[in-house]
Protein backbone atom coordinates (compact mmCIF):
# COMPACT_ATOMS: atom_id res chain seq x y z
CA MET A 1 0.00 0.00 -0.01
CA HIS A 2 1.28 3.43 -1.02
CA ASN A 3 1.17 6.46 1.16
CA ASN A 4 0.10 9.38 -1.00
CA ALA A 5 2.16 11.83 1.06
CA ASN A 6 5.33 9.92 0.11
CA LEU A 7 4.72 9.79 -3.68
CA MET A 8 7.05 11.96 -5.67
CA LYS A 9 6.10 13.75 -8.78
CA LYS A 10 8.74 13.47 -11.47
CA ARG A 11 9.36 16.34 -13.80
CA VAL A 12 12.05 17.23 -16.21
CA LEU A 13 13.06 20.85 -15.98
CA LEU A 14 14.62 22.41 -19.05
CA GLU A 15 16.30 25.79 -19.04
CA ASP A 16 17.65 28.06 -21.77
CA ILE A 17 21.13 29.65 -21.54
CA GLN A 18 19.84 32.46 -19.37
CA GLY A 19 18.28 30.01 -16.92
CA ASN A 20 14.68 30.59 -17.96
CA GLU A 21 12.44 27.56 -17.76
CA ILE A 22 11.45 26.23 -21.19
CA TYR A 23 9.06 23.51 -22.25
CA PRO A 24 9.52 20.85 -24.91
CA ARG A 25 7.56 21.45 -28.14
CA PRO A 26 5.89 18.22 -29.18
CA ALA A 27 5.93 17.19 -32.83
CA LEU A 28 2.57 16.41 -34.42
CA PRO A 29 2.37 14.83 -37.94
CA ILE A 30 2.04 16.98 -41.12
CA GLY A 31 -1.65 17.26 -41.98
CA PHE A 32 -2.67 17.18 -38.32
CA ILE A 33 -5.50 19.67 -37.57
CA ILE A 34 -5.99 21.22 -34.16
CA PHE A 35 -8.89 23.25 -32.84
CA LEU A 36 -8.18 25.94 -30.27
CA ASN A 37 -10.72 27.63 -28.06
CA ASN A 38 -8.47 30.69 -27.84
CA ALA A 39 -6.27 32.92 -30.01
CA LEU A 40 -3.01 31.05 -29.37
CA ASP A 41 -0.72 30.37 -32.34
CA PRO A 42 0.41 26.73 -32.47
CA ASN A 43 3.67 27.84 -34.17
CA THR A 44 4.70 29.01 -30.69
CA TYR A 45 4.05 25.70 -29.00
CA PHE A 46 4.55 22.92 -31.54
CA ILE A 47 7.32 21.93 -33.91
CA GLY A 48 6.68 22.55 -37.62
CA THR A 49 4.81 25.18 -39.58
CA TRP A 50 1.11 25.69 -38.85
CA GLU A 51 -1.32 27.62 -41.09
CA LYS A 52 -4.62 28.94 -39.85
CA ILE A 53 -7.57 27.52 -41.75
CA GLU A 54 -9.75 30.15 -43.46
CA GLU A 55 -12.25 31.79 -41.13
CA GLU A 56 -15.87 30.67 -41.28
CA THR A 57 -14.95 27.23 -42.67
CA PHE A 58 -17.02 24.24 -41.60
CA PHE A 59 -15.63 20.74 -41.36
CA MET A 60 -17.11 17.60 -42.91
CA THR A 61 -15.69 14.08 -42.88
CA ALA A 62 -14.21 12.97 -46.21
CA SER A 63 -15.91 10.63 -48.67
CA SER A 64 -15.45 9.47 -52.23
CA SER A 65 -17.45 12.55 -53.33
CA TYR A 66 -15.47 14.92 -51.10
CA PRO A 67 -11.81 13.89 -50.82
CA VAL A 68 -9.58 14.79 -47.90
CA GLY A 69 -8.32 18.41 -48.02
CA GLN A 70 -10.88 19.65 -50.53
CA ILE A 71 -12.46 23.07 -49.96
CA SER A 72 -15.97 23.50 -51.31
CA GLY A 73 -19.32 25.10 -50.62
CA SER A 74 -20.39 28.58 -49.57
CA ASN A 75 -21.78 30.19 -46.44
CA GLU A 76 -24.60 31.86 -48.38
CA VAL A 77 -26.88 30.79 -51.20
CA THR A 78 -29.30 32.55 -53.52
CA LEU A 79 -32.04 30.35 -54.85
CA ASP A 80 -32.54 30.16 -58.60
CA THR A 81 -35.85 29.34 -60.30
CA GLU A 82 -34.81 25.66 -60.64
CA ASN A 83 -34.34 25.46 -56.83
CA ILE A 84 -37.84 26.62 -55.99
CA PRO A 85 -40.53 23.92 -55.71
CA PRO A 86 -43.15 23.95 -58.51
CA HIS A 87 -46.01 26.20 -57.49
CA ARG A 88 -48.50 28.74 -58.80
CA HIS A 89 -49.93 32.00 -57.60
CA GLN A 90 -53.59 32.92 -57.44
CA CYS A 91 -54.21 35.63 -60.03
CA SER A 92 -56.45 38.62 -60.12
CA GLY A 93 -56.79 41.22 -62.79
CA ALA A 94 -58.97 43.43 -64.87
CA GLY A 95 -61.18 42.16 -67.68
CA ASN A 96 -63.01 38.95 -68.15
CA THR A 97 -61.24 35.80 -67.08
CA ALA A 98 -62.17 32.14 -66.84
CA LEU A 99 -60.66 29.34 -64.82
CA LYS A 100 -60.10 26.23 -66.90
CA ASN A 101 -58.27 23.08 -65.69
CA GLY A 102 -56.56 25.00 -62.92
CA SER A 103 -55.22 27.82 -65.11
CA TYR A 104 -56.56 31.19 -66.06
CA THR A 105 -57.56 31.89 -69.63
CA LEU A 106 -57.76 35.45 -70.93
CA MET A 107 -61.04 36.36 -72.48
CA SER A 108 -62.05 39.13 -74.88
CA ASP A 109 -64.06 42.06 -73.73
CA VAL A 110 -67.85 42.11 -74.20
CA ASN A 111 -67.70 42.95 -77.91
CA GLY A 112 -65.24 40.18 -78.68
CA GLN A 113 -62.50 42.68 -79.24
CA ASN A 114 -59.31 43.72 -77.38
CA PRO A 115 -57.99 40.68 -75.53
CA ARG A 116 -56.76 41.62 -72.03
CA PRO A 117 -52.98 40.86 -71.97
CA ASP A 118 -52.55 42.67 -68.62
CA PHE A 119 -53.27 39.57 -66.56
CA TYR A 120 -50.28 38.37 -64.52
CA THR A 121 -49.14 37.37 -61.09
CA GLY A 122 -47.30 39.82 -58.85
CA TYR A 123 -43.60 39.64 -58.14
CA THR A 124 -42.43 38.02 -54.94
CA GLY A 125 -39.03 37.84 -53.29
CA GLU A 126 -35.99 40.06 -53.47
CA GLY A 127 -33.29 37.57 -54.49
CA GLN A 128 -31.14 38.21 -51.47
CA PRO A 129 -28.65 35.51 -50.36
CA PHE A 130 -29.32 33.97 -46.96
CA ASP A 131 -27.18 32.32 -44.32
CA ILE A 132 -27.19 28.48 -44.48
CA LYS A 133 -24.78 27.83 -41.60
CA PRO A 134 -26.04 25.40 -38.98
CA LYS A 135 -25.89 26.04 -35.21
CA ARG A 136 -22.21 26.14 -34.36
CA TYR A 137 -19.50 26.37 -31.73
CA THR A 138 -16.69 28.52 -33.04
CA VAL A 139 -13.01 27.77 -32.65
CA ASN A 140 -9.71 28.59 -34.37
CA ALA A 141 -8.49 25.77 -36.62
CA TRP A 142 -4.90 25.16 -37.68
CA VAL A 143 -3.27 22.59 -39.94
CA ARG A 144 0.37 21.54 -39.84
CA VAL A 145 1.86 22.02 -43.33
CA SER A 146 5.53 21.21 -42.74
């Protein structure tokens, strides 16, 4: 049985030429990514060269469609017509109209003259990009490059 009071902690103390205490800098493999919950620069603490990964970059595990190290995607998207689900808008307008098979048909005026081409749906939307980022916990990310 060990007596905790008698246990010794072992520690290696390293000093520079001026006698200042220094700490060993561990080596991590090239390609290693670290996340830091502070503004520290790993170039100060680890061997090798570390580059900060572009701000506002999300991480996704690699696959055959998205190989390791690939950068893709965007933080904002603007929908195009082909991205909007098929739909129609209820119409209203001047002149005589008739509803046939779910669509409006323009009719002539009472005398059979002057078709009413001014029948249309109103505009909707402003085409502004919107944020598609999921809920997140932000950190600084660094990758060892050499």
